[in-house]
Protein backbone atom coordinates (compact mmCIF):
# COMPACT_ATOMS: atom_id res chain seq x y z
CA MET A 1 -5.15 8.75 -12.37
CA GLN A 2 -4.01 5.37 -10.97
CA SER A 3 -0.57 4.24 -11.13
CA THR A 4 0.90 1.03 -10.82
CA VAL A 5 3.53 -0.75 -8.50
CA ASP A 6 5.37 -3.95 -9.61
CA VAL A 7 5.66 -7.10 -7.78
CA MET A 8 8.76 -6.23 -6.60
CA MET A 9 7.29 -3.09 -4.97
CA VAL A 10 4.76 -5.05 -3.28
CA GLU A 11 7.11 -7.70 -1.91
CA GLU A 12 9.69 -4.79 -0.65
CA LEU A 13 6.61 -2.85 0.77
CA ASN A 14 5.68 -5.92 2.75
CA GLN A 15 9.36 -6.51 3.62
CA ILE A 16 9.27 -3.04 5.33
CA LEU A 17 6.04 -3.69 7.18
CA LYS A 18 7.77 -6.74 8.56
CA LYS A 19 10.81 -4.34 9.69
CA HIS A 20 8.65 -2.20 11.70
CA LYS A 21 6.89 -5.73 13.20
CA ILE A 22 3.21 -4.82 11.49
CA ASP A 23 1.25 -8.06 11.14
CA TYR A 24 -0.10 -6.74 7.65
CA SER A 25 0.58 -7.25 4.24
CA LEU A 26 -0.29 -5.99 0.76
CA HIS A 27 -1.90 -7.65 -2.15
CA THR A 28 -2.22 -7.09 -5.53
CA VAL A 29 -6.39 -6.96 -6.36
CA GLY A 30 -7.46 -8.66 -9.56
CA GLY A 31 -3.62 -10.02 -10.43
CA CYS A 32 -2.21 -6.47 -11.09
CA SER A 33 -1.70 -3.25 -8.99
CA CYS A 34 -3.36 -1.25 -11.17
CA CYS A 35 -6.52 -2.32 -9.70
CA GLY A 36 -5.54 -1.69 -6.22
CA LEU A 37 -3.82 -3.09 -3.62
CA ARG A 38 -5.81 -4.75 -0.61
CA LEU A 39 -4.07 -4.07 3.12
CA ARG A 40 -4.74 -7.56 5.07
CA CYS A 41 -4.34 -7.78 8.62
CA ASP A 42 -2.02 -11.00 9.64
CA GLY A 43 -2.39 -10.95 13.22
CA GLN A 44 -2.45 -8.05 15.57
CA SER A 45 -4.14 -5.00 14.76
CA TYR A 46 -2.54 -1.64 14.04
CA ASP A 47 -3.59 1.97 13.13
CA ASN A 48 -4.08 2.26 9.89
CA GLN A 49 -3.35 5.29 9.10
CA GLU A 50 0.32 4.34 10.49
CA ILE A 51 0.69 2.07 8.26
CA LEU A 52 -0.51 4.46 5.33
CA SER A 53 2.34 6.67 6.13
CA ILE A 54 5.15 3.58 6.00
CA ILE A 55 3.65 2.92 2.80
CA ASN A 56 4.01 6.47 1.95
CA ASP A 57 7.38 7.26 2.88
CA TYR A 58 8.24 4.32 0.45
CA LEU A 59 6.20 5.51 -2.22
CA ALA A 60 7.51 8.51 -2.29
CA THR A 61 10.74 7.62 -3.47
CA LYS A 62 8.94 6.49 -6.57
CA TRP A 63 6.78 9.43 -7.23
CA LEU A 64 3.69 7.36 -6.19
CA VAL A 65 1.48 8.06 -3.15
CA ALA A 66 -1.25 5.67 -1.85
CA SER A 67 -4.96 6.48 -0.22
CA PHE A 68 -7.92 4.48 1.46
CA GLN A 69 -10.75 3.64 -0.48
CA LYS A 70 -13.27 6.00 1.29
CA ASP A 71 -16.03 2.73 2.18
CA ASP A 72 -13.19 0.10 2.48
CA PRO A 73 -10.17 0.58 4.48
CA THR A 74 -8.54 -2.17 3.25
CA MET A 75 -8.22 -1.14 -0.11
CA LEU A 76 -5.40 1.05 -1.54
CA TYR A 77 -5.33 3.19 -4.65
CA ILE A 78 -2.29 4.17 -6.10
CA ASP A 79 -1.14 7.45 -7.66
CA SER A 80 0.86 9.24 -9.45
CA LYS A 81 2.21 12.58 -7.27
CA PHE A 82 2.06 14.41 -10.50
CA HIS A 83 -1.40 14.21 -11.25
CA ARG A 84 -2.70 15.11 -7.49
């Protein structure tokens, strides 16, 4: 089951990435986060698993968890922790 993050959560996550000096940003897919989030490299590359850990630290406070799509490491799915 996919869950959603709102625009403010995406903005907060982008600020967290900036705070960690990670040149990546998150963007909604198809205009809403229920379709997933796209992770975009905006500069120097960084370990995707470390980025995912940072994102999941934030999402855990919202009872959500992110995972990468198996065949596209830039695509993140957001799920409720209750349905895992």
